Amino acid sequence: MTSKPVYIAQNNIVSPLGFTTGENMDALAAGRSGIRLVEDAALSPVPVFASVIDDVALLKAAADCGLPASIIRIETLLLLAAWPVLQQGGMRPDARMGFILSTTKGDIGALQTSCSNIEAALPTTTAHHVARHLGFTAAPVVVCNACVSGLLAISVARTMIRSGRYDHVLVVGADEVTAFVLAGFRSFQAIADEPCRPFSANRAGVTLGEAAAAALITSDSTHAIAEILGDGSANDANHISGPSRTAEGLFYSVAGALREAGIDASAIDYISAHGTATLYNDEMEAVAFDRLGLTGAPVNSLKGSFGHTLGAAGLLEAIIAATAAQHNMLLPTVGFETLGVTKPLNVIQSYSDGHGINTFLKTASGFGGCNAAMIFRKTDRHGPA
């Protein structure tokens, strides 16, 4: 295992805010959100706030790219995210390029039509289909660890590169908003009846969203927008859905990332938090940041813009954070009003100049007590925004 530098480079995002990273960045800078009231009886018996990609726009984009109409929806999302990443670098998959899929549910919608469609619903099935369409020869890897999946997938890609087996790894992530997913979150009484309000006193729960994201994790700095300095992950094993009240898992995850990066908390210029807007998650993050001496750093959550995109969240939000740092942008936490956690936080409330943002932290937490953290340093070139 070498300690060679590993970077996040070419990337793309498909969401209700746009079908490229640039379109999404423009929407975020303008303070727009993809969250809307969705009235679809197949999704929910009552209207629900969610961030859902328009099917007409999705079908048009798929047709423009020459995707067969027979490809299922989640695979369409993943391919629309991934293909531009390969095209940006003029790259063709070979034996030195790995492939990782990050998802929490895969094509779970397949089970709504028939409970016998178990194989179709497996994330490994989706991974093999997408990898084959993209021309990969390497066997795909699936990272499926609740809501830390996207960030953990970057960590796995970094390890694969540093092992010497690969020069590049394409990481793609996606989840859909489905009736199954909505029902699951409702069973925990975690769905808000209004757009989510991260870190706010009046927060009432999660707003779900769907998106696909793709990024090339690579040892080649040519098109890099950020270097990965360190990462960490820990499980607090507190509860099936509730995080440790003392933030043990996230504390050790961030502490591990700082230790590997060789820096202390004072070097962190900005934090892209998980910020789901549930009572317990936001409080837990505030406790962790306070224990680590990070409460002075500007912090935001993108959940008010995209909703909680599950397996795509950590990857999507890392791409946004790196691109924002490249362009000296501090993006607001949409939905935030009055601080509602017991520890001080420097929540970004409006778009502002992020000049001087060089080293930043991305965090993620999920069901089952899983936590992950990653520290990046922006490179001296501009990314695709």
Protein backbone atom coordinates (compact mmCIF):
# COMPACT_ATOMS: atom_id res chain seq x y z
CA MET A 1 0.00 0.00 0.00
CA THR A 2 1.49 3.33 -1.08
CA SER A 3 0.76 6.82 0.21
CA LYS A 4 0.47 8.31 -3.30
CA PRO A 5 -1.84 11.34 -3.60
CA VAL A 6 -5.40 10.56 -4.72
CA TYR A 7 -7.75 13.15 -6.20
CA ILE A 8 -11.35 13.78 -7.14
CA ALA A 9 -11.40 14.91 -10.76
CA GLN A 10 -13.97 14.86 -13.57
CA ASN A 11 -17.52 14.65 -12.26
CA ASN A 12 -21.18 15.01 -13.08
CA ILE A 13 -24.49 15.36 -11.22
CA VAL A 14 -28.03 14.56 -12.37
CA SER A 15 -30.73 15.98 -10.12
CA PRO A 16 -33.99 17.96 -10.24
CA LEU A 17 -31.78 21.09 -10.39
CA GLY A 18 -29.98 20.08 -13.57
CA PHE A 19 -28.29 17.31 -15.51
CA THR A 20 -24.71 18.60 -15.24
CA THR A 21 -22.54 19.74 -12.35
CA GLY A 22 -22.53 23.24 -13.82
CA GLU A 23 -26.32 23.44 -13.96
CA ASN A 24 -26.55 22.26 -10.38
CA MET A 25 -23.96 24.79 -9.19
CA ASP A 26 -25.81 27.63 -10.93
CA ALA A 27 -29.06 26.59 -9.25
CA LEU A 28 -27.42 26.39 -5.82
CA ALA A 29 -25.79 29.81 -6.24
CA ALA A 30 -29.24 31.22 -7.03
CA GLY A 31 -30.69 29.61 -3.88
CA ARG A 32 -32.99 27.26 -5.76
CA SER A 33 -34.24 23.96 -4.37
CA GLY A 34 -35.48 20.83 -6.11
CA ILE A 35 -37.97 20.12 -3.32
CA ARG A 36 -41.64 20.40 -4.28
CA LEU A 37 -45.02 19.01 -3.28
CA VAL A 38 -45.44 15.73 -5.18
CA GLU A 39 -48.95 14.46 -5.82
CA ASP A 40 -48.52 10.92 -7.11
CA ALA A 41 -50.72 8.16 -5.69
CA ALA A 42 -48.27 5.50 -6.87
CA LEU A 43 -45.61 7.10 -4.70
CA SER A 44 -47.65 8.13 -1.68
CA PRO A 45 -51.37 8.01 -0.78
CA VAL A 46 -51.09 11.65 0.33
CA PRO A 47 -49.08 14.50 -1.23
CA VAL A 48 -45.50 14.58 0.02
CA PHE A 49 -42.64 17.04 -0.23
CA ALA A 50 -39.74 15.47 -2.11
CA SER A 51 -37.03 16.31 -4.63
CA VAL A 52 -37.92 14.15 -7.63
CA ILE A 53 -36.46 14.24 -11.14
CA ASP A 54 -38.99 15.05 -13.85
CA ASP A 55 -39.61 11.94 -15.96
CA VAL A 56 -40.22 13.90 -19.18
CA ALA A 57 -36.87 15.66 -18.87
CA LEU A 58 -35.19 12.38 -17.95
CA LEU A 59 -36.59 10.54 -20.96
CA LYS A 60 -35.52 13.37 -23.29
CA ALA A 61 -31.99 13.36 -21.88
CA ALA A 62 -31.83 9.58 -22.25
CA ALA A 63 -33.02 9.75 -25.86
CA ASP A 64 -30.51 12.52 -26.64
CA CYS A 65 -27.75 10.21 -25.34
CA GLY A 66 -29.03 7.27 -27.36
CA LEU A 67 -30.03 5.16 -24.37
CA PRO A 68 -32.51 2.38 -25.23
CA ALA A 69 -35.99 2.94 -23.84
CA SER A 70 -35.82 -0.50 -22.21
CA ILE A 71 -33.19 0.58 -19.65
CA ILE A 72 -34.73 0.91 -16.20
CA ARG A 73 -34.96 4.29 -14.52
CA ILE A 74 -32.16 4.01 -11.93
CA GLU A 75 -29.74 2.70 -14.55
CA THR A 76 -30.69 5.60 -16.82
CA LEU A 77 -29.85 8.02 -14.01
CA LEU A 78 -26.50 6.36 -13.39
CA LEU A 79 -25.54 6.29 -17.07
CA LEU A 80 -26.49 9.94 -17.59
CA ALA A 81 -24.24 10.82 -14.66
CA ALA A 82 -21.35 8.58 -15.65
CA TRP A 83 -20.92 8.95 -19.39
CA PRO A 84 -19.95 12.67 -19.33
CA VAL A 85 -17.25 11.90 -16.74
CA LEU A 86 -15.54 9.48 -19.11
CA GLN A 87 -16.02 11.85 -22.04
CA GLN A 88 -14.55 14.84 -20.18
CA GLY A 89 -11.20 13.07 -19.91
CA GLY A 90 -11.43 11.17 -23.18
CA MET A 91 -11.18 7.99 -21.15
CA ARG A 92 -12.13 4.43 -21.98
CA PRO A 93 -12.42 1.83 -19.23
CA ASP A 94 -9.56 -0.67 -19.14
CA ALA A 95 -7.98 -3.08 -16.69
CA ARG A 96 -6.46 -0.18 -14.71
CA MET A 97 -9.82 1.52 -14.12
CA GLY A 98 -12.16 0.28 -11.39
CA PHE A 99 -15.90 0.80 -10.99
CA ILE A 100 -17.88 1.35 -7.77
CA LEU A 101 -21.63 1.72 -7.36
CA SER A 102 -22.91 3.48 -4.23
CA THR A 103 -26.57 2.88 -3.45
CA THR A 104 -28.74 1.98 -0.50
CA LYS A 105 -31.67 0.41 -2.35
CA GLY A 106 -30.70 -0.32 -5.96
CA ASP A 107 -33.74 -1.04 -8.10
CA ILE A 108 -36.00 -1.64 -5.11
CA GLY A 109 -38.98 -0.61 -7.25
CA ALA A 110 -38.70 -3.96 -9.02
CA LEU A 111 -40.29 -5.59 -5.97
CA GLN A 112 -43.38 -3.38 -6.28
CA THR A 113 -44.41 -5.21 -9.43
CA SER A 114 -43.44 -8.70 -8.31
CA CYS A 115 -41.90 -10.11 -5.15
CA SER A 116 -40.16 -12.68 -7.35
CA ASN A 117 -37.96 -9.97 -8.89
CA ILE A 118 -35.39 -10.34 -6.12
CA GLU A 119 -32.39 -10.64 -8.45
CA ALA A 120 -33.45 -7.56 -10.44
CA ALA A 121 -33.70 -5.55 -7.22
CA LEU A 122 -30.20 -6.42 -6.02
CA PRO A 123 -27.68 -3.55 -6.16
CA THR A 124 -25.16 -5.98 -7.67
CA THR A 125 -27.47 -6.48 -10.65
CA THR A 126 -27.66 -2.74 -11.25
CA ALA A 127 -23.88 -2.44 -10.87
CA HIS A 128 -23.18 -5.14 -13.46
CA HIS A 129 -25.66 -3.65 -15.95
CA VAL A 130 -24.25 -0.14 -15.69
CA ALA A 131 -20.62 -1.30 -15.77
CA ARG A 132 -21.32 -3.35 -18.89
CA HIS A 133 -23.02 -0.41 -20.66
CA LEU A 134 -20.00 1.77 -19.88
CA GLY A 135 -17.56 -0.83 -21.17
CA PHE A 136 -15.83 -1.79 -17.92
CA THR A 137 -13.77 -4.95 -17.83
CA ALA A 138 -13.11 -4.83 -14.08
CA ALA A 139 -15.72 -6.48 -11.87
CA PRO A 140 -17.87 -3.78 -10.23
CA VAL A 141 -17.76 -3.16 -6.51
CA VAL A 142 -20.95 -2.23 -4.61
CA VAL A 143 -20.84 -0.03 -1.50
CA CYS A 144 -24.14 -0.27 0.37
CA ASN A 145 -23.82 1.08 3.90
CA ALA A 146 -26.89 3.23 4.56
CA CYS A 147 -26.40 6.96 4.12
CA VAL A 148 -22.61 6.95 4.39
CA SER A 149 -22.41 4.89 1.19
CA GLY A 150 -21.44 7.74 -1.15
CA LEU A 151 -18.62 9.05 1.00
CA LEU A 152 -17.43 5.55 1.89
CA ALA A 153 -17.34 4.67 -1.82
CA ILE A 154 -14.79 7.46 -2.37
CA SER A 155 -12.75 6.04 0.50
CA VAL A 156 -12.87 2.54 -1.00
CA ALA A 157 -11.83 3.94 -4.40
CA ARG A 158 -8.89 5.70 -2.75
CA THR A 159 -7.79 2.46 -1.11
CA MET A 160 -8.07 0.58 -4.42
CA ILE A 161 -5.80 3.13 -6.10
CA ARG A 162 -3.27 3.22 -3.28
CA SER A 163 -3.07 -0.58 -3.36
CA GLY A 164 -1.51 -0.24 -6.82
CA ARG A 165 -4.23 -2.28 -8.55
CA TYR A 166 -5.87 0.70 -10.26
CA ASP A 167 -4.91 4.14 -11.56
CA HIS A 168 -8.48 5.42 -11.62
CA VAL A 169 -11.84 4.40 -10.17
CA LEU A 170 -15.17 5.67 -11.45
CA VAL A 171 -17.55 6.06 -8.53
CA VAL A 172 -21.25 6.40 -9.34
CA GLY A 173 -24.11 6.73 -6.87
CA ALA A 174 -27.88 6.91 -7.07
CA ASP A 175 -31.13 6.16 -5.30
CA GLU A 176 -34.71 6.84 -6.32
CA VAL A 177 -37.61 8.13 -4.27
CA THR A 178 -40.00 5.18 -4.23
CA ALA A 179 -43.09 4.12 -2.27
CA PHE A 180 -40.94 1.57 -0.43
CA VAL A 181 -38.37 4.15 0.68
CA LEU A 182 -41.04 6.64 1.75
CA ALA A 183 -42.87 3.97 3.74
CA GLY A 184 -39.65 2.98 5.48
CA PHE A 185 -38.81 6.51 6.60
CA ARG A 186 -42.43 7.07 7.64
CA SER A 187 -42.22 3.99 9.86
CA PHE A 188 -39.50 5.84 11.82
CA GLN A 189 -41.68 8.99 11.88
CA ALA A 190 -38.77 10.75 10.18
CA ILE A 191 -40.52 12.41 7.19
CA ALA A 192 -41.28 16.12 7.52
CA ASP A 193 -44.63 17.45 6.32
CA GLU A 194 -42.83 20.49 4.86
CA PRO A 195 -39.47 21.05 3.14
CA CYS A 196 -36.69 20.10 5.57
CA ARG A 197 -34.97 22.73 7.75
CA PRO A 198 -31.44 21.53 8.63
CA PHE A 199 -30.13 22.62 12.04
CA SER A 200 -33.20 24.80 12.65
CA ALA A 201 -35.17 24.97 15.88
CA ASN A 202 -38.36 24.15 13.96
CA ARG A 203 -36.91 21.21 12.02
CA ALA A 204 -39.30 18.29 11.77
CA GLY A 205 -37.51 15.59 9.80
CA VAL A 206 -36.16 14.44 6.46
CA THR A 207 -37.22 15.39 2.96
CA LEU A 208 -36.28 12.63 0.54
CA GLY A 209 -34.64 13.32 -2.79
CA GLU A 210 -33.26 11.48 -5.76
CA ALA A 211 -30.11 12.14 -7.75
CA ALA A 212 -27.25 10.43 -9.49
CA ALA A 213 -23.63 11.51 -9.20
CA ALA A 214 -20.38 10.31 -10.71
CA ALA A 215 -16.76 11.21 -10.09
CA LEU A 216 -13.40 9.97 -11.24
CA ILE A 217 -11.16 9.19 -8.27
CA THR A 218 -7.64 9.12 -9.62
CA SER A 219 -3.89 9.27 -9.00
CA ASP A 220 -3.57 11.70 -11.94
CA SER A 221 -3.71 15.36 -10.88
CA THR A 222 -4.25 16.70 -14.42
CA HIS A 223 -7.99 17.39 -14.07
CA ALA A 224 -8.18 17.24 -10.28
CA ILE A 225 -10.35 19.67 -8.33
CA ALA A 226 -9.41 18.41 -4.86
CA GLU A 227 -6.94 16.08 -3.19
CA ILE A 228 -8.16 13.63 -0.56
CA LEU A 229 -6.01 14.23 2.51
CA GLY A 230 -7.57 11.77 4.95
CA ASP A 231 -10.69 9.82 5.78
CA GLY A 232 -12.19 7.93 8.67
CA SER A 233 -15.22 5.82 9.50
CA ALA A 234 -16.64 4.42 12.73
CA ASN A 235 -19.85 2.81 13.93
CA ASP A 236 -21.26 3.83 17.30
CA ALA A 237 -23.71 0.85 17.34
CA ASN A 238 -26.13 3.00 19.34
CA HIS A 239 -29.47 2.08 17.73
CA ILE A 240 -30.91 0.83 14.45
CA SER A 241 -31.88 4.37 13.44
CA GLY A 242 -30.77 6.77 16.19
CA PRO A 243 -27.21 8.12 16.45
CA SER A 244 -25.10 8.24 19.59
CA ARG A 245 -26.19 11.19 21.72
CA THR A 246 -22.52 11.87 22.48
CA ALA A 247 -21.57 11.61 18.79
CA GLU A 248 -19.02 8.85 19.35
CA GLY A 249 -19.05 7.48 15.81
CA LEU A 250 -18.79 10.82 14.04
CA PHE A 251 -16.23 12.11 16.55
CA TYR A 252 -13.90 9.17 15.89
CA SER A 253 -14.48 9.35 12.13
CA VAL A 254 -13.47 13.01 11.92
CA ALA A 255 -10.61 12.52 14.40
CA GLY A 256 -9.28 9.68 12.24
CA ALA A 257 -9.50 11.80 9.08
CA LEU A 258 -7.66 14.67 10.79
CA ARG A 259 -4.97 12.30 12.03
CA GLU A 260 -4.37 10.80 8.58
CA ALA A 261 -4.36 14.26 6.98
CA GLY A 262 -1.77 15.39 9.52
CA ILE A 263 -3.66 18.55 10.45
CA ASP A 264 -5.65 19.78 13.42
CA ALA A 265 -9.18 21.16 13.52
CA SER A 266 -8.02 24.78 13.11
CA ALA A 267 -6.98 23.96 9.53
CA ILE A 268 -10.56 23.18 8.44
CA ASP A 269 -11.93 26.15 6.49
CA TYR A 270 -15.41 24.77 5.78
CA ILE A 271 -17.66 21.81 6.62
CA SER A 272 -20.20 20.15 4.33
CA ALA A 273 -22.34 18.45 6.97
CA HIS A 274 -24.81 15.59 6.65
CA GLY A 275 -27.58 17.80 8.08
CA THR A 276 -30.69 15.69 7.53
CA ALA A 277 -32.96 17.97 9.62
CA THR A 278 -34.00 15.21 12.02
CA LEU A 279 -33.92 16.12 15.71
CA TYR A 280 -31.23 13.62 16.59
CA ASN A 281 -28.90 13.79 13.57
CA ASP A 282 -28.42 17.56 13.61
CA GLU A 283 -27.90 17.63 17.36
CA MET A 284 -25.40 14.77 17.13
CA GLU A 285 -23.39 16.57 14.45
CA ALA A 286 -23.32 19.76 16.50
CA VAL A 287 -22.04 17.79 19.50
CA ALA A 288 -19.33 16.15 17.39
CA PHE A 289 -18.16 19.44 15.90
CA ASP A 290 -18.10 21.02 19.35
CA ARG A 291 -16.03 18.16 20.79
CA LEU A 292 -13.60 18.52 17.90
CA GLY A 293 -13.23 22.31 18.15
CA LEU A 294 -14.92 22.89 14.78
CA THR A 295 -17.90 25.06 15.69
CA GLY A 296 -16.30 28.21 14.26
CA ALA A 297 -15.92 26.81 10.74
CA PRO A 298 -18.61 27.78 8.19
CA VAL A 299 -20.96 24.82 7.82
CA ASN A 300 -23.82 24.00 5.50
CA SER A 301 -26.20 21.19 4.65
CA LEU A 302 -27.40 20.64 1.08
CA LYS A 303 -30.45 18.61 2.12
CA GLY A 304 -32.70 21.67 1.76
CA SER A 305 -31.61 21.91 -1.89
CA PHE A 306 -31.56 18.26 -2.99
CA GLY A 307 -33.43 16.45 -0.22
CA HIS A 308 -31.74 13.40 1.26
CA THR A 309 -30.46 11.45 -1.75
CA LEU A 310 -29.38 8.42 0.32
CA GLY A 311 -26.69 6.44 -1.53
CA ALA A 312 -25.83 9.42 -3.74
CA ALA A 313 -25.66 11.98 -0.92
CA GLY A 314 -22.04 11.71 0.22
CA LEU A 315 -20.70 11.58 -3.33
CA LEU A 316 -22.94 14.37 -4.64
CA GLU A 317 -22.17 16.65 -1.68
CA ALA A 318 -18.42 16.00 -1.91
CA ILE A 319 -18.51 17.02 -5.60
CA ILE A 320 -20.47 20.17 -4.74
CA ALA A 321 -18.09 21.06 -1.88
CA ALA A 322 -14.98 20.60 -4.06
CA THR A 323 -16.46 22.56 -6.96
CA ALA A 324 -17.64 25.34 -4.64
CA ALA A 325 -14.17 25.59 -3.10
CA GLN A 326 -12.63 25.81 -6.58
CA HIS A 327 -14.87 28.79 -7.37
CA ASN A 328 -14.71 30.42 -3.93
CA MET A 329 -18.38 29.87 -3.21
CA LEU A 330 -20.00 29.43 0.20
CA LEU A 331 -23.44 27.97 -0.47
CA PRO A 332 -26.38 28.56 1.88
CA THR A 333 -28.28 26.00 3.91
CA VAL A 334 -31.70 26.26 2.28
CA GLY A 335 -34.50 26.06 4.85
CA PHE A 336 -32.38 27.14 7.81
CA GLU A 337 -34.00 29.73 10.08
CA THR A 338 -33.02 29.84 13.78
CA LEU A 339 -30.33 27.58 15.25
CA GLY A 340 -31.94 24.68 17.10
CA VAL A 341 -29.05 22.61 18.44
CA THR A 342 -27.41 22.86 21.86
CA LYS A 343 -23.93 23.70 20.55
CA PRO A 344 -22.92 26.77 18.52
CA LEU A 345 -22.66 26.32 14.77
CA ASN A 346 -21.61 28.81 12.10
CA VAL A 347 -24.39 27.87 9.65
CA ILE A 348 -24.06 29.52 6.22
CA GLN A 349 -27.31 31.38 5.65
CA SER A 350 -26.74 33.14 2.33
CA TYR A 351 -24.49 32.83 -0.70
CA SER A 352 -21.16 34.51 -0.07
CA ASP A 353 -17.55 34.70 -1.20
CA GLY A 354 -15.61 31.66 -0.07
CA HIS A 355 -12.17 33.08 -0.88
CA GLY A 356 -9.69 31.37 1.41
CA ILE A 357 -11.57 28.06 1.49
CA ASN A 358 -8.80 25.55 0.84
CA THR A 359 -9.18 22.62 3.24
CA PHE A 360 -12.65 21.28 3.91
CA LEU A 361 -14.44 18.45 5.68
CA LYS A 362 -17.33 16.31 4.44
CA THR A 363 -19.29 14.23 6.93
CA ALA A 364 -21.99 11.57 6.64
CA SER A 365 -23.99 9.48 9.09
CA GLY A 366 -26.59 6.77 8.67
CA PHE A 367 -28.86 4.12 10.10
CA GLY A 368 -27.19 1.42 12.12
CA GLY A 369 -24.75 3.89 13.70
CA CYS A 370 -22.45 4.24 10.68
CA ASN A 371 -20.42 7.44 10.24
CA ALA A 372 -17.81 8.64 7.77
CA ALA A 373 -15.66 11.73 7.31
CA MET A 374 -13.29 12.89 4.60
CA ILE A 375 -10.91 15.85 4.38
CA PHE A 376 -10.10 17.47 1.04
CA ARG A 377 -7.77 20.23 -0.11
CA LYS A 378 -8.65 22.05 -3.29
CA THR A 379 -6.15 22.04 -6.14
CA ASP A 380 -4.98 25.12 -8.03
CA ARG A 381 -7.22 24.62 -11.05
CA HIS A 382 -10.89 25.18 -11.73
CA GLY A 383 -13.47 22.40 -11.93
CA PRO A 384 -16.47 22.06 -14.28
CA ALA A 385 -18.89 24.75 -13.13
